[in-house]
């Protein structure tokens, strides 16, 4: 299974959608706990509308987002705390249920996990994929997109 990831830090909606379209992405899976953004066009409703106009489906899976304590740690560059907080998050029943949904969606059609950080090494989406690799027998091929 191939899963794309993309962050919208330092980009525009047009360039973001162009990167998705060029890769053949048909669905965006938003893995932000709070799908709000100060960047114009990247809050849930406006992003979903822009993606819809481009023929790309939008799904939000809130339970796969990072809790506030983890987001605060990430902002400080405290990777160890981010990893610990996110591991706890993924143990929650609602996160496990949404992880199963995410895998089913990604298996169904080309999908991209979206969050803020441009560099996937600084984002929980990389931690999410790493955790899911253990759940999928045939593995997950990850393609990081950059707008």
C-alpha atoms as a PDB file:
ATOM      1  CA  UNK A   1       0.000   0.000   0.000  1.00  0.00           C
ATOM      2  CA  UNK A   2       1.262   3.485  -0.852  1.00  0.00           C
ATOM      3  CA  UNK A   3       0.482   6.419   1.434  1.00  0.00           C
ATOM      4  CA  UNK A   4       1.394   9.995   0.598  1.00  0.00           C
ATOM      5  CA  UNK A   5       2.089  12.646   3.221  1.00  0.00           C
ATOM      6  CA  UNK A   6       2.170  16.410   2.834  1.00  0.00           C
ATOM      7  CA  UNK A   7       2.456  19.464   5.046  1.00  0.00           C
ATOM      8  CA  UNK A   8       1.136  22.894   4.170  1.00  0.00           C
ATOM      9  CA  UNK A   9       3.724  24.983   6.015  1.00  0.00           C
ATOM     10  CA  UNK A  10       5.035  27.828   3.817  1.00  0.00           C
ATOM     11  CA  UNK A  11       2.837  27.064   0.817  1.00  0.00           C
ATOM     12  CA  UNK A  12      -0.360  28.248  -0.826  1.00  0.00           C
ATOM     13  CA  UNK A  13      -3.543  26.286  -1.371  1.00  0.00           C
ATOM     14  CA  UNK A  14      -2.943  26.367  -5.133  1.00  0.00           C
ATOM     15  CA  UNK A  15       0.572  24.927  -4.843  1.00  0.00           C
ATOM     16  CA  UNK A  16      -0.609  22.403  -2.244  1.00  0.00           C
ATOM     17  CA  UNK A  17      -3.368  21.140  -4.542  1.00  0.00           C
ATOM     18  CA  UNK A  18      -1.018  21.130  -7.538  1.00  0.00           C
ATOM     19  CA  UNK A  19       1.418  18.861  -5.657  1.00  0.00           C
ATOM     20  CA  UNK A  20      -1.417  16.494  -4.722  1.00  0.00           C
ATOM     21  CA  UNK A  21      -2.786  16.411  -8.268  1.00  0.00           C
ATOM     22  CA  UNK A  22       0.663  15.836  -9.802  1.00  0.00           C
ATOM     23  CA  UNK A  23       1.084  12.787  -7.552  1.00  0.00           C
ATOM     24  CA  UNK A  24      -2.347  11.418  -8.433  1.00  0.00           C
ATOM     25  CA  UNK A  25      -3.779  11.855  -4.935  1.00  0.00           C
ATOM     26  CA  UNK A  26      -7.565  11.424  -4.905  1.00  0.00           C
ATOM     27  CA  UNK A  27      -8.216  11.833  -1.182  1.00  0.00           C
ATOM     28  CA  UNK A  28      -6.737  13.941   1.613  1.00  0.00           C
ATOM     29  CA  UNK A  29      -6.894  12.528   5.119  1.00  0.00           C
ATOM     30  CA  UNK A  30      -6.509  15.377   7.575  1.00  0.00           C
ATOM     31  CA  UNK A  31      -4.781  14.091  10.718  1.00  0.00           C
ATOM     32  CA  UNK A  32      -4.855  17.320  12.690  1.00  0.00           C
ATOM     33  CA  UNK A  33      -6.558  17.275  16.084  1.00  0.00           C
ATOM     34  CA  UNK A  34      -7.696  20.847  15.430  1.00  0.00           C
ATOM     35  CA  UNK A  35      -8.232  21.424  11.706  1.00  0.00           C
ATOM     36  CA  UNK A  36      -7.819  25.179  12.020  1.00  0.00           C
ATOM     37  CA  UNK A  37      -5.048  27.240  10.523  1.00  0.00           C
ATOM     38  CA  UNK A  38      -3.827  30.806  10.441  1.00  0.00           C
ATOM     39  CA  UNK A  39      -2.668  30.113   6.895  1.00  0.00           C
ATOM     40  CA  UNK A  40      -5.431  31.227   4.542  1.00  0.00           C
ATOM     41  CA  UNK A  41      -7.354  28.342   3.005  1.00  0.00           C
ATOM     42  CA  UNK A  42      -6.106  25.556   5.266  1.00  0.00           C
ATOM     43  CA  UNK A  43      -8.858  25.424   7.876  1.00  0.00           C
ATOM     44  CA  UNK A  44     -11.175  22.442   7.537  1.00  0.00           C
ATOM     45  CA  UNK A  45     -14.135  23.968   5.652  1.00  0.00           C
ATOM     46  CA  UNK A  46     -12.154  26.071   3.214  1.00  0.00           C
ATOM     47  CA  UNK A  47      -9.615  23.312   2.573  1.00  0.00           C
ATOM     48  CA  UNK A  48     -12.368  20.753   1.975  1.00  0.00           C
ATOM     49  CA  UNK A  49     -14.075  23.135  -0.463  1.00  0.00           C
ATOM     50  CA  UNK A  50     -10.883  23.861  -2.413  1.00  0.00           C
ATOM     51  CA  UNK A  51      -9.990  20.195  -2.586  1.00  0.00           C
ATOM     52  CA  UNK A  52     -13.534  19.335  -3.711  1.00  0.00           C
ATOM     53  CA  UNK A  53     -13.267  21.850  -6.559  1.00  0.00           C
ATOM     54  CA  UNK A  54     -10.091  20.038  -7.653  1.00  0.00           C
ATOM     55  CA  UNK A  55     -11.824  16.647  -7.504  1.00  0.00           C
ATOM     56  CA  UNK A  56     -10.004  15.546  -4.351  1.00  0.00           C
ATOM     57  CA  UNK A  57     -12.020  14.092  -1.480  1.00  0.00           C
ATOM     58  CA  UNK A  58     -11.430  15.376   2.068  1.00  0.00           C
ATOM     59  CA  UNK A  59     -11.711  13.340   5.294  1.00  0.00           C
ATOM     60  CA  UNK A  60     -10.872  14.505   8.785  1.00  0.00           C
ATOM     61  CA  UNK A  61      -9.762  11.921  11.360  1.00  0.00           C
ATOM     62  CA  UNK A  62      -9.457  13.974  14.532  1.00  0.00           C
ATOM     63  CA  UNK A  63      -8.389  11.157  16.854  1.00  0.00           C
ATOM     64  CA  UNK A  64      -5.197  10.733  14.791  1.00  0.00           C
ATOM     65  CA  UNK A  65      -4.126  14.272  15.661  1.00  0.00           C
ATOM     66  CA  UNK A  66      -1.595  15.231  18.276  1.00  0.00           C
ATOM     67  CA  UNK A  67      -2.915  16.315  21.680  1.00  0.00           C
ATOM     68  CA  UNK A  68      -2.004  19.845  22.825  1.00  0.00           C
ATOM     69  CA  UNK A  69       0.835  18.620  25.034  1.00  0.00           C
ATOM     70  CA  UNK A  70       2.406  16.921  22.015  1.00  0.00           C
ATOM     71  CA  UNK A  71       1.909  19.963  19.776  1.00  0.00           C
ATOM     72  CA  UNK A  72       3.556  22.155  22.425  1.00  0.00           C
ATOM     73  CA  UNK A  73       6.502  19.740  22.626  1.00  0.00           C
ATOM     74  CA  UNK A  74       6.856  19.741  18.836  1.00  0.00           C
ATOM     75  CA  UNK A  75       6.961  23.549  18.767  1.00  0.00           C
ATOM     76  CA  UNK A  76       9.844  23.421  21.262  1.00  0.00           C
ATOM     77  CA  UNK A  77      11.663  20.732  19.277  1.00  0.00           C
ATOM     78  CA  UNK A  78      11.133  18.211  22.090  1.00  0.00           C
ATOM     79  CA  UNK A  79      10.841  15.111  19.925  1.00  0.00           C
ATOM     80  CA  UNK A  80      10.983  12.654  22.837  1.00  0.00           C
ATOM     81  CA  UNK A  81       7.912  14.179  24.476  1.00  0.00           C
ATOM     82  CA  UNK A  82       6.064  14.391  21.148  1.00  0.00           C
ATOM     83  CA  UNK A  83       6.756  10.705  20.527  1.00  0.00           C
ATOM     84  CA  UNK A  84       5.633   9.701  24.030  1.00  0.00           C
ATOM     85  CA  UNK A  85       2.450  11.777  23.905  1.00  0.00           C
ATOM     86  CA  UNK A  86       1.562  10.537  20.434  1.00  0.00           C
ATOM     87  CA  UNK A  87       2.195   6.902  21.395  1.00  0.00           C
ATOM     88  CA  UNK A  88      -0.303   7.383  24.237  1.00  0.00           C
ATOM     89  CA  UNK A  89      -2.769   8.939  21.779  1.00  0.00           C
ATOM     90  CA  UNK A  90      -2.532   5.952  19.432  1.00  0.00           C
ATOM     91  CA  UNK A  91      -3.419   3.599  22.295  1.00  0.00           C
ATOM     92  CA  UNK A  92      -6.844   5.218  22.713  1.00  0.00           C
ATOM     93  CA  UNK A  93      -9.772   3.199  21.316  1.00  0.00           C
ATOM     94  CA  UNK A  94     -10.954   6.112  19.159  1.00  0.00           C
ATOM     95  CA  UNK A  95      -7.474   6.527  17.663  1.00  0.00           C
ATOM     96  CA  UNK A  96      -7.248   2.812  16.953  1.00  0.00           C
ATOM     97  CA  UNK A  97     -10.655   2.911  15.260  1.00  0.00           C
ATOM     98  CA  UNK A  98      -9.671   5.911  13.127  1.00  0.00           C
ATOM     99  CA  UNK A  99      -6.320   4.310  12.275  1.00  0.00           C
ATOM    100  CA  UNK A 100      -8.238   1.341  10.865  1.00  0.00           C
ATOM    101  CA  UNK A 101     -10.404   3.767   8.872  1.00  0.00           C
ATOM    102  CA  UNK A 102      -7.286   5.552   7.597  1.00  0.00           C
ATOM    103  CA  UNK A 103      -5.738   2.291   6.406  1.00  0.00           C
ATOM    104  CA  UNK A 104      -8.965   1.273   4.653  1.00  0.00           C
ATOM    105  CA  UNK A 105      -9.239   4.674   2.962  1.00  0.00           C
ATOM    106  CA  UNK A 106      -5.609   4.591   1.840  1.00  0.00           C
ATOM    107  CA  UNK A 107      -6.018   1.071   0.462  1.00  0.00           C
ATOM    108  CA  UNK A 108      -9.112   2.135  -1.482  1.00  0.00           C
ATOM    109  CA  UNK A 109      -7.598   5.014  -3.477  1.00  0.00           C
ATOM    110  CA  UNK A 110      -4.452   7.190  -3.537  1.00  0.00           C
ATOM    111  CA  UNK A 111      -4.541   9.177  -0.301  1.00  0.00           C
ATOM    112  CA  UNK A 112      -2.346  11.747   1.429  1.00  0.00           C
ATOM    113  CA  UNK A 113      -2.085  12.402   5.139  1.00  0.00           C
ATOM    114  CA  UNK A 114      -2.012  16.133   5.770  1.00  0.00           C
ATOM    115  CA  UNK A 115      -0.741  18.171   8.676  1.00  0.00           C
ATOM    116  CA  UNK A 116       1.042  21.494   9.070  1.00  0.00           C
ATOM    117  CA  UNK A 117       4.761  20.711   9.155  1.00  0.00           C
ATOM    118  CA  UNK A 118       6.522  20.742   5.797  1.00  0.00           C
ATOM    119  CA  UNK A 119       9.285  18.379   6.958  1.00  0.00           C
ATOM    120  CA  UNK A 120       7.738  14.979   7.738  1.00  0.00           C
ATOM    121  CA  UNK A 121      10.555  14.297  10.227  1.00  0.00           C
ATOM    122  CA  UNK A 122       9.099  17.049  12.429  1.00  0.00           C
ATOM    123  CA  UNK A 123       5.506  15.838  12.206  1.00  0.00           C
ATOM    124  CA  UNK A 124       3.379  13.225  13.906  1.00  0.00           C
ATOM    125  CA  UNK A 125       2.271  11.887  10.518  1.00  0.00           C
ATOM    126  CA  UNK A 126       5.634  10.086  10.355  1.00  0.00           C
ATOM    127  CA  UNK A 127       4.977   8.584  13.808  1.00  0.00           C
ATOM    128  CA  UNK A 128       1.506   7.528  12.656  1.00  0.00           C
ATOM    129  CA  UNK A 129       2.871   5.759   9.570  1.00  0.00           C
ATOM    130  CA  UNK A 130       5.564   4.049  11.633  1.00  0.00           C
ATOM    131  CA  UNK A 131       2.929   2.727  14.042  1.00  0.00           C
ATOM    132  CA  UNK A 132       0.719   1.548  11.172  1.00  0.00           C
ATOM    133  CA  UNK A 133       3.565  -0.339   9.480  1.00  0.00           C
ATOM    134  CA  UNK A 134       3.317  -2.857  12.279  1.00  0.00           C
ATOM    135  CA  UNK A 135      -0.404  -3.290  11.586  1.00  0.00           C
ATOM    136  CA  UNK A 136      -0.096  -3.965   7.856  1.00  0.00           C
ATOM    137  CA  UNK A 137       1.451  -7.276   6.867  1.00  0.00           C
ATOM    138  CA  UNK A 138       2.610  -6.174   3.414  1.00  0.00           C
ATOM    139  CA  UNK A 139       3.953  -2.861   4.660  1.00  0.00           C
ATOM    140  CA  UNK A 140       3.353   0.707   3.643  1.00  0.00           C
ATOM    141  CA  UNK A 141       5.291   2.605   1.029  1.00  0.00           C
ATOM    142  CA  UNK A 142       5.494   6.257   2.071  1.00  0.00           C
ATOM    143  CA  UNK A 143       5.848   9.077  -0.433  1.00  0.00           C
ATOM    144  CA  UNK A 144       6.429  12.482   1.124  1.00  0.00           C
ATOM    145  CA  UNK A 145       5.138  15.290  -1.074  1.00  0.00           C
ATOM    146  CA  UNK A 146       6.345  18.885  -0.950  1.00  0.00           C
ATOM    147  CA  UNK A 147       4.333  21.796  -2.290  1.00  0.00           C
END
